Amino acid sequence: MKYVIYERETALESIASDAVTFLGLTFCIWFSDKMGGAFWTIMSAAMLFIWLGVKIPMEKDRVKKLKSKEEAVEWVKSLPDDT
């Protein structure tokens, strides 16, 4: 299975978005720990690991980043026919 990403955000926007997500999940883990809620600590840690698993693909071949419509059309034309 292949995934296609049509990327519109800049590198700085991507870093800022990832930082906010990471800090939010880190805050959830910290807050839960301070309040003594083991359930929410586990849930927040699980969300963090899921986020990392999605953000850092295990197989580089599965992700194709396309930055323009022309690249997308070119890539689609290179795929084998379904018939």
C-alpha atoms as a PDB file:
ATOM      1  CA  MET A   1       0.000   0.000   0.000  1.00  0.00           C
ATOM      2  CA  LYS A   2       1.290   3.450  -0.874  1.00  0.00           C
ATOM      3  CA  TYR A   3       0.370   6.727   0.704  1.00  0.00           C
ATOM      4  CA  VAL A   4       0.360  10.094  -1.016  1.00  0.00           C
ATOM      5  CA  ILE A   5       0.939  13.319   0.837  1.00  0.00           C
ATOM      6  CA  TYR A   6       0.195  16.592  -0.883  1.00  0.00           C
ATOM      7  CA  GLU A   7       2.226  18.952   1.228  1.00  0.00           C
ATOM      8  CA  ARG A   8       1.212  22.598   1.486  1.00  0.00           C
ATOM      9  CA  GLU A   9       2.866  23.659   4.736  1.00  0.00           C
ATOM     10  CA  THR A  10       6.368  25.044   4.976  1.00  0.00           C
ATOM     11  CA  ALA A  11       9.114  23.392   7.010  1.00  0.00           C
ATOM     12  CA  LEU A  12       8.723  26.019   9.744  1.00  0.00           C
ATOM     13  CA  GLU A  13       4.959  25.416   9.930  1.00  0.00           C
ATOM     14  CA  SER A  14       5.537  21.671  10.145  1.00  0.00           C
ATOM     15  CA  ILE A  15       8.074  22.057  12.958  1.00  0.00           C
ATOM     16  CA  ALA A  16       5.755  24.424  14.846  1.00  0.00           C
ATOM     17  CA  SER A  17       2.811  22.040  14.442  1.00  0.00           C
ATOM     18  CA  ASP A  18       4.856  19.059  15.642  1.00  0.00           C
ATOM     19  CA  ALA A  19       6.236  21.040  18.590  1.00  0.00           C
ATOM     20  CA  VAL A  20       2.749  22.067  19.718  1.00  0.00           C
ATOM     21  CA  THR A  21       1.515  18.471  19.472  1.00  0.00           C
ATOM     22  CA  PHE A  22       4.545  17.110  21.322  1.00  0.00           C
ATOM     23  CA  LEU A  23       4.336  19.766  24.058  1.00  0.00           C
ATOM     24  CA  GLY A  24       0.590  19.199  24.449  1.00  0.00           C
ATOM     25  CA  LEU A  25       1.028  15.475  24.930  1.00  0.00           C
ATOM     26  CA  THR A  26       3.976  16.047  27.261  1.00  0.00           C
ATOM     27  CA  PHE A  27       1.833  18.436  29.333  1.00  0.00           C
ATOM     28  CA  CYS A  28      -0.946  15.807  29.516  1.00  0.00           C
ATOM     29  CA  ILE A  29       1.512  13.226  30.833  1.00  0.00           C
ATOM     30  CA  TRP A  30       2.999  15.689  33.357  1.00  0.00           C
ATOM     31  CA  PHE A  31      -0.428  16.896  34.571  1.00  0.00           C
ATOM     32  CA  SER A  32      -1.750  13.379  34.913  1.00  0.00           C
ATOM     33  CA  ASP A  33       1.314  12.325  36.881  1.00  0.00           C
ATOM     34  CA  LYS A  34       0.958  15.299  39.254  1.00  0.00           C
ATOM     35  CA  MET A  35      -2.728  14.506  39.814  1.00  0.00           C
ATOM     36  CA  GLY A  36      -2.041  10.836  40.489  1.00  0.00           C
ATOM     37  CA  GLY A  37      -4.060   9.532  37.554  1.00  0.00           C
ATOM     38  CA  ALA A  38      -2.272   6.490  36.174  1.00  0.00           C
ATOM     39  CA  PHE A  39      -5.000   5.921  33.581  1.00  0.00           C
ATOM     40  CA  TRP A  40      -4.465   9.312  31.925  1.00  0.00           C
ATOM     41  CA  THR A  41      -0.697   8.945  32.106  1.00  0.00           C
ATOM     42  CA  ILE A  42      -0.979   5.675  30.191  1.00  0.00           C
ATOM     43  CA  MET A  43      -3.466   7.172  27.699  1.00  0.00           C
ATOM     44  CA  SER A  44      -1.313  10.263  27.106  1.00  0.00           C
ATOM     45  CA  ALA A  45       1.833   8.174  26.698  1.00  0.00           C
ATOM     46  CA  ALA A  46      -0.026   5.919  24.243  1.00  0.00           C
ATOM     47  CA  MET A  47      -1.133   8.964  22.226  1.00  0.00           C
ATOM     48  CA  LEU A  48       2.461  10.198  22.174  1.00  0.00           C
ATOM     49  CA  PHE A  49       3.762   6.870  20.875  1.00  0.00           C
ATOM     50  CA  ILE A  50       0.988   6.674  18.261  1.00  0.00           C
ATOM     51  CA  TRP A  51       1.840  10.195  17.113  1.00  0.00           C
ATOM     52  CA  LEU A  52       5.523   9.300  16.872  1.00  0.00           C
ATOM     53  CA  GLY A  53       4.651   6.124  14.980  1.00  0.00           C
ATOM     54  CA  VAL A  54       2.668   8.079  12.425  1.00  0.00           C
ATOM     55  CA  LYS A  55       5.156  10.923  12.174  1.00  0.00           C
ATOM     56  CA  ILE A  56       8.230   8.760  11.722  1.00  0.00           C
ATOM     57  CA  PRO A  57       7.302   6.153   9.099  1.00  0.00           C
ATOM     58  CA  MET A  58       9.073   2.844   9.484  1.00  0.00           C
ATOM     59  CA  GLU A  59       9.367   2.370   5.748  1.00  0.00           C
ATOM     60  CA  LYS A  60      10.508   5.361   3.711  1.00  0.00           C
ATOM     61  CA  ASP A  61       9.159   3.726   0.524  1.00  0.00           C
ATOM     62  CA  ARG A  62       5.580   3.962   1.770  1.00  0.00           C
ATOM     63  CA  VAL A  63       5.505   7.755   1.765  1.00  0.00           C
ATOM     64  CA  LYS A  64       5.622   9.829  -1.379  1.00  0.00           C
ATOM     65  CA  LYS A  65       5.670  13.572  -0.782  1.00  0.00           C
ATOM     66  CA  LEU A  66       4.258  15.653  -3.578  1.00  0.00           C
ATOM     67  CA  LYS A  67       4.673  19.393  -3.500  1.00  0.00           C
ATOM     68  CA  SER A  68       2.825  20.436  -6.641  1.00  0.00           C
ATOM     69  CA  LYS A  69      -0.035  19.412  -8.863  1.00  0.00           C
ATOM     70  CA  GLU A  70       2.412  18.695 -11.683  1.00  0.00           C
ATOM     71  CA  GLU A  71       4.338  16.232  -9.495  1.00  0.00           C
ATOM     72  CA  ALA A  72       1.055  14.529  -8.564  1.00  0.00           C
ATOM     73  CA  VAL A  73      -0.022  14.148 -12.190  1.00  0.00           C
ATOM     74  CA  GLU A  74       3.424  12.835 -13.138  1.00  0.00           C
ATOM     75  CA  TRP A  75       3.356  10.306 -10.286  1.00  0.00           C
ATOM     76  CA  VAL A  76      -0.172   9.118 -11.173  1.00  0.00           C
ATOM     77  CA  LYS A  77       0.823   8.602 -14.797  1.00  0.00           C
ATOM     78  CA  SER A  78       3.766   6.455 -13.671  1.00  0.00           C
ATOM     79  CA  LEU A  79       1.486   3.976 -11.841  1.00  0.00           C
ATOM     80  CA  PRO A  80       0.594   0.706 -13.601  1.00  0.00           C
ATOM     81  CA  ASP A  81      -2.907   0.341 -15.078  1.00  0.00           C
ATOM     82  CA  ASP A  82      -5.535  -1.481 -13.022  1.00  0.00           C
ATOM     83  CA  THR A  83      -6.921  -3.392 -16.000  1.00  0.00           C
END
